[in-house]
Amino acid sequence: MVGGACQAVSLLAAQGASLAIGAAYVLADQLARTSHIEDALHG
């Protein structure tokens, strides 16, 4: 949800799913690299 709030795309562009997958990948990578959620969200 945090990543989705900062990505503004047109509903007609049909890019919502790919942006969501990309954001989830980046968030998962940040969570794997840090020991605290707060640090991952600031990374």
N, C-alpha and C. Protein backbone atom coordinates (compact mmCIF):
# COMPACT_ATOMS: atom_id res chain seq x y z
N MET A 1 0.82 -1.20 0.00
CA MET A 1 0.00 0.00 0.00
C MET A 1 0.85 1.25 0.00
N VAL A 2 1.96 1.24 0.68
CA VAL A 2 2.81 2.43 0.73
C VAL A 2 3.34 2.75 -0.66
N GLY A 3 3.81 1.73 -1.38
CA GLY A 3 4.34 1.96 -2.72
C GLY A 3 3.28 2.41 -3.69
N GLY A 4 2.07 1.90 -3.55
CA GLY A 4 1.00 2.29 -4.45
C GLY A 4 0.57 3.73 -4.27
N ALA A 5 0.76 4.27 -3.09
CA ALA A 5 0.34 5.64 -2.83
C ALA A 5 1.24 6.66 -3.52
N CYS A 6 2.47 6.28 -3.84
CA CYS A 6 3.39 7.25 -4.44
C CYS A 6 3.52 7.07 -5.94
N GLN A 7 2.76 6.21 -6.55
CA GLN A 7 2.85 5.99 -7.99
C GLN A 7 1.55 6.43 -8.65
N ALA A 8 1.63 7.50 -9.39
CA ALA A 8 0.45 8.00 -10.06
C ALA A 8 0.50 7.62 -11.53
N VAL A 9 -0.39 6.76 -11.97
CA VAL A 9 -0.48 6.37 -13.38
C VAL A 9 -1.91 6.55 -13.84
N SER A 10 -2.05 6.71 -15.12
CA SER A 10 -3.37 6.81 -15.70
C SER A 10 -4.05 5.45 -15.64
N LEU A 11 -5.32 5.44 -15.35
CA LEU A 11 -6.06 4.18 -15.32
C LEU A 11 -6.17 3.57 -16.71
N LEU A 12 -6.02 4.40 -17.74
CA LEU A 12 -6.12 3.91 -19.11
C LEU A 12 -4.79 3.36 -19.64
N ALA A 13 -3.71 3.54 -18.89
CA ALA A 13 -2.40 3.11 -19.36
C ALA A 13 -2.17 1.62 -19.16
N ALA A 14 -2.95 0.97 -18.33
CA ALA A 14 -2.85 -0.47 -18.06
C ALA A 14 -1.47 -0.86 -17.53
N GLN A 15 -0.91 -0.02 -16.68
CA GLN A 15 0.40 -0.30 -16.12
C GLN A 15 0.35 -0.52 -14.61
N GLY A 16 -0.82 -0.55 -14.04
CA GLY A 16 -0.95 -0.68 -12.59
C GLY A 16 -0.37 -1.97 -12.04
N ALA A 17 -0.63 -3.08 -12.70
CA ALA A 17 -0.14 -4.37 -12.20
C ALA A 17 1.38 -4.46 -12.27
N SER A 18 1.96 -3.99 -13.36
CA SER A 18 3.42 -4.07 -13.48
C SER A 18 4.11 -3.15 -12.49
N LEU A 19 3.53 -1.98 -12.22
CA LEU A 19 4.10 -1.09 -11.21
C LEU A 19 3.96 -1.69 -9.82
N ALA A 20 2.85 -2.34 -9.55
CA ALA A 20 2.66 -2.98 -8.25
C ALA A 20 3.66 -4.10 -8.03
N ILE A 21 3.92 -4.88 -9.06
CA ILE A 21 4.89 -5.97 -8.95
C ILE A 21 6.29 -5.41 -8.73
N GLY A 22 6.63 -4.36 -9.47
CA GLY A 22 7.94 -3.73 -9.30
C GLY A 22 8.11 -3.14 -7.92
N ALA A 23 7.09 -2.47 -7.42
CA ALA A 23 7.16 -1.88 -6.09
C ALA A 23 7.25 -2.96 -5.01
N ALA A 24 6.54 -4.06 -5.19
CA ALA A 24 6.61 -5.16 -4.22
C ALA A 24 8.01 -5.78 -4.21
N TYR A 25 8.63 -5.89 -5.39
CA TYR A 25 9.99 -6.43 -5.49
C TYR A 25 10.98 -5.54 -4.75
N VAL A 26 10.89 -4.24 -4.97
CA VAL A 26 11.80 -3.31 -4.31
C VAL A 26 11.58 -3.32 -2.80
N LEU A 27 10.34 -3.34 -2.36
CA LEU A 27 10.05 -3.37 -0.93
C LEU A 27 10.56 -4.67 -0.31
N ALA A 28 10.35 -5.80 -0.96
CA ALA A 28 10.84 -7.07 -0.43
C ALA A 28 12.36 -7.08 -0.33
N ASP A 29 13.03 -6.49 -1.32
CA ASP A 29 14.49 -6.41 -1.29
C ASP A 29 14.95 -5.55 -0.11
N GLN A 30 14.30 -4.42 0.10
CA GLN A 30 14.67 -3.54 1.21
C GLN A 30 14.41 -4.23 2.56
N LEU A 31 13.32 -4.95 2.67
CA LEU A 31 13.01 -5.66 3.91
C LEU A 31 14.03 -6.77 4.18
N ALA A 32 14.51 -7.41 3.12
CA ALA A 32 15.49 -8.48 3.27
C ALA A 32 16.86 -7.94 3.70
N ARG A 33 17.16 -6.71 3.33
CA ARG A 33 18.48 -6.13 3.61
C ARG A 33 18.57 -5.46 4.98
N THR A 34 17.44 -5.19 5.60
CA THR A 34 17.45 -4.47 6.88
C THR A 34 16.80 -5.31 7.97
N SER A 35 17.08 -4.92 9.20
CA SER A 35 16.48 -5.67 10.32
C SER A 35 15.26 -4.97 10.91
N HIS A 36 15.00 -3.74 10.49
CA HIS A 36 13.85 -2.98 11.00
C HIS A 36 13.01 -2.47 9.83
N ILE A 37 11.71 -2.57 9.96
CA ILE A 37 10.81 -2.12 8.90
C ILE A 37 11.00 -0.63 8.62
N GLU A 38 11.22 0.15 9.65
CA GLU A 38 11.40 1.60 9.47
C GLU A 38 12.59 1.89 8.56
N ASP A 39 13.67 1.14 8.73
CA ASP A 39 14.86 1.34 7.89
C ASP A 39 14.57 0.96 6.45
N ALA A 40 13.80 -0.08 6.23
CA ALA A 40 13.46 -0.51 4.88
C ALA A 40 12.61 0.53 4.18
N LEU A 41 11.70 1.15 4.90
CA LEU A 41 10.81 2.15 4.29
C LEU A 41 11.55 3.44 3.96
N HIS A 42 12.63 3.71 4.65
CA HIS A 42 13.41 4.92 4.37
C HIS A 42 14.46 4.67 3.30
N GLY A 43 14.73 3.41 2.96
CA GLY A 43 15.76 3.05 2.00
C GLY A 43 15.32 3.31 0.62
